[in-house]
Amino acid sequence: MSSSDLPIIKIIAEREVPYVELDLEMEDDTHAMLVKWGKEEASDQDFVNIAIRNGLQEYVDSDE
């Protein structure tokens, strides 16, 4: 699906969410465990936010 195939999405509200991104080093099994936990806790809205953020970043990168 290309970006031109997407329906119109309207932003109706925004929230500032403070967080810190960390660069971590760990064993593979620890990483797998954290990914599993994250997938169990992630909401549909989390996945939508990730998709929108990545789509916007790709658009900005392709426009440069």
N, C-alpha and C. Protein backbone atom coordinates (compact mmCIF):
# COMPACT_ATOMS: atom_id res chain seq x y z
N MET A 1 0.86 -1.18 0.00
CA MET A 1 0.00 0.00 0.00
C MET A 1 0.90 1.24 0.00
N SER A 2 0.67 2.13 -0.91
CA SER A 2 1.45 3.36 -0.92
C SER A 2 0.77 4.42 -0.08
N SER A 3 1.53 5.47 0.25
CA SER A 3 0.96 6.52 1.09
C SER A 3 -0.21 7.21 0.42
N SER A 4 -0.27 7.17 -0.92
CA SER A 4 -1.39 7.81 -1.62
C SER A 4 -2.67 6.99 -1.48
N ASP A 5 -2.57 5.73 -1.03
CA ASP A 5 -3.75 4.88 -0.83
C ASP A 5 -4.40 5.07 0.53
N LEU A 6 -3.77 5.84 1.41
CA LEU A 6 -4.30 5.99 2.76
C LEU A 6 -5.49 6.94 2.81
N PRO A 7 -6.45 6.66 3.67
CA PRO A 7 -7.57 7.59 3.84
C PRO A 7 -7.10 8.84 4.59
N ILE A 8 -7.94 9.85 4.60
CA ILE A 8 -7.64 11.08 5.33
C ILE A 8 -7.71 10.79 6.83
N ILE A 9 -6.71 11.26 7.55
CA ILE A 9 -6.67 11.11 9.00
C ILE A 9 -6.60 12.51 9.59
N LYS A 10 -7.56 12.85 10.45
CA LYS A 10 -7.60 14.17 11.07
C LYS A 10 -7.09 14.10 12.50
N ILE A 11 -6.22 15.03 12.86
CA ILE A 11 -5.76 15.13 14.24
C ILE A 11 -6.80 15.94 15.01
N ILE A 12 -7.38 15.33 16.04
CA ILE A 12 -8.43 16.02 16.79
C ILE A 12 -7.94 16.49 18.16
N ALA A 13 -6.80 15.96 18.61
CA ALA A 13 -6.21 16.39 19.88
C ALA A 13 -4.76 15.94 19.91
N GLU A 14 -4.00 16.57 20.74
CA GLU A 14 -2.63 16.12 20.95
C GLU A 14 -2.29 16.21 22.43
N ARG A 15 -1.38 15.37 22.86
CA ARG A 15 -0.94 15.35 24.24
C ARG A 15 0.57 15.31 24.25
N GLU A 16 1.17 16.06 25.14
CA GLU A 16 2.61 15.99 25.34
C GLU A 16 2.87 14.83 26.29
N VAL A 17 3.68 13.88 25.87
CA VAL A 17 3.97 12.72 26.69
C VAL A 17 5.48 12.68 26.92
N PRO A 18 5.90 13.04 28.13
CA PRO A 18 7.35 13.03 28.39
C PRO A 18 7.86 11.59 28.55
N TYR A 19 8.95 11.29 27.90
CA TYR A 19 9.58 10.00 28.05
C TYR A 19 11.05 10.13 27.68
N VAL A 20 11.79 9.14 28.01
CA VAL A 20 13.22 9.12 27.72
C VAL A 20 13.50 7.88 26.88
N GLU A 21 14.21 8.05 25.78
CA GLU A 21 14.66 6.90 25.00
C GLU A 21 16.04 6.52 25.46
N LEU A 22 16.26 5.23 25.64
CA LEU A 22 17.53 4.73 26.13
C LEU A 22 18.18 3.83 25.08
N ASP A 23 19.47 3.92 24.94
CA ASP A 23 20.23 2.95 24.16
C ASP A 23 20.70 1.90 25.16
N LEU A 24 20.26 0.67 24.98
CA LEU A 24 20.53 -0.38 25.95
C LEU A 24 21.34 -1.50 25.32
N GLU A 25 22.12 -2.14 26.15
CA GLU A 25 22.86 -3.33 25.74
C GLU A 25 22.43 -4.45 26.66
N MET A 26 22.07 -5.62 26.09
CA MET A 26 21.60 -6.73 26.92
C MET A 26 21.75 -8.03 26.16
N GLU A 27 21.58 -9.10 26.87
CA GLU A 27 21.60 -10.43 26.27
C GLU A 27 20.37 -10.60 25.38
N ASP A 28 20.49 -11.48 24.37
CA ASP A 28 19.38 -11.71 23.44
C ASP A 28 18.12 -12.21 24.15
N ASP A 29 18.28 -13.09 25.14
CA ASP A 29 17.10 -13.61 25.83
C ASP A 29 16.42 -12.53 26.66
N THR A 30 17.18 -11.60 27.21
CA THR A 30 16.60 -10.47 27.95
C THR A 30 15.83 -9.58 26.98
N HIS A 31 16.40 -9.31 25.82
CA HIS A 31 15.73 -8.49 24.80
C HIS A 31 14.42 -9.14 24.37
N ALA A 32 14.46 -10.45 24.12
CA ALA A 32 13.25 -11.18 23.71
C ALA A 32 12.18 -11.09 24.78
N MET A 33 12.57 -11.20 26.05
CA MET A 33 11.62 -11.12 27.16
C MET A 33 10.97 -9.73 27.19
N LEU A 34 11.77 -8.67 27.03
CA LEU A 34 11.23 -7.32 27.06
C LEU A 34 10.31 -7.06 25.88
N VAL A 35 10.66 -7.56 24.71
CA VAL A 35 9.79 -7.43 23.53
C VAL A 35 8.46 -8.11 23.79
N LYS A 36 8.51 -9.31 24.37
CA LYS A 36 7.27 -10.06 24.68
C LYS A 36 6.40 -9.24 25.64
N TRP A 37 7.01 -8.71 26.70
CA TRP A 37 6.25 -7.90 27.65
C TRP A 37 5.66 -6.67 26.98
N GLY A 38 6.44 -6.02 26.14
CA GLY A 38 5.95 -4.83 25.46
C GLY A 38 4.76 -5.13 24.56
N LYS A 39 4.83 -6.25 23.84
CA LYS A 39 3.73 -6.64 22.96
C LYS A 39 2.47 -6.96 23.76
N GLU A 40 2.65 -7.52 24.96
CA GLU A 40 1.50 -7.84 25.81
C GLU A 40 0.83 -6.57 26.33
N GLU A 41 1.60 -5.52 26.56
CA GLU A 41 1.08 -4.29 27.15
C GLU A 41 0.67 -3.24 26.12
N ALA A 42 1.18 -3.34 24.91
CA ALA A 42 0.91 -2.32 23.90
C ALA A 42 -0.57 -2.32 23.51
N SER A 43 -1.12 -1.12 23.37
CA SER A 43 -2.52 -0.98 22.97
C SER A 43 -2.58 -0.74 21.46
N ASP A 44 -3.77 -0.84 20.92
CA ASP A 44 -3.95 -0.51 19.50
C ASP A 44 -3.51 0.92 19.23
N GLN A 45 -3.80 1.82 20.18
CA GLN A 45 -3.40 3.22 20.01
C GLN A 45 -1.87 3.36 19.97
N ASP A 46 -1.17 2.55 20.75
CA ASP A 46 0.30 2.56 20.68
C ASP A 46 0.77 2.22 19.27
N PHE A 47 0.17 1.20 18.66
CA PHE A 47 0.56 0.80 17.32
C PHE A 47 0.21 1.88 16.29
N VAL A 48 -0.93 2.52 16.44
CA VAL A 48 -1.31 3.62 15.55
C VAL A 48 -0.30 4.76 15.67
N ASN A 49 0.06 5.12 16.89
CA ASN A 49 1.03 6.20 17.10
C ASN A 49 2.38 5.88 16.46
N ILE A 50 2.83 4.63 16.59
CA ILE A 50 4.09 4.22 15.98
C ILE A 50 3.99 4.33 14.46
N ALA A 51 2.90 3.87 13.89
CA ALA A 51 2.72 3.92 12.44
C ALA A 51 2.70 5.35 11.92
N ILE A 52 1.97 6.23 12.61
CA ILE A 52 1.90 7.63 12.19
C ILE A 52 3.28 8.28 12.28
N ARG A 53 3.96 8.08 13.40
CA ARG A 53 5.30 8.66 13.58
C ARG A 53 6.26 8.18 12.49
N ASN A 54 6.26 6.88 12.21
CA ASN A 54 7.15 6.34 11.19
C ASN A 54 6.78 6.84 9.80
N GLY A 55 5.49 6.92 9.52
CA GLY A 55 5.04 7.44 8.22
C GLY A 55 5.45 8.88 8.01
N LEU A 56 5.28 9.69 9.04
CA LEU A 56 5.69 11.09 8.95
C LEU A 56 7.21 11.22 8.78
N GLN A 57 7.96 10.38 9.48
CA GLN A 57 9.43 10.42 9.36
C GLN A 57 9.86 10.01 7.95
N GLU A 58 9.24 8.99 7.40
CA GLU A 58 9.56 8.57 6.03
C GLU A 58 9.25 9.69 5.04
N TYR A 59 8.13 10.35 5.21
CA TYR A 59 7.75 11.46 4.33
C TYR A 59 8.76 12.59 4.41
N VAL A 60 9.14 12.97 5.62
CA VAL A 60 10.12 14.04 5.80
C VAL A 60 11.46 13.65 5.18
N ASP A 61 11.88 12.41 5.43
CA ASP A 61 13.16 11.95 4.88
C ASP A 61 13.14 11.92 3.36
N SER A 62 12.02 11.54 2.75
CA SER A 62 11.95 11.47 1.29
C SER A 62 11.85 12.85 0.65
N ASP A 63 11.44 13.84 1.43
CA ASP A 63 11.27 15.20 0.92
C ASP A 63 12.58 16.00 0.99
N GLU A 64 13.57 15.46 1.68
CA GLU A 64 14.85 16.19 1.86
C GLU A 64 15.76 16.02 0.68
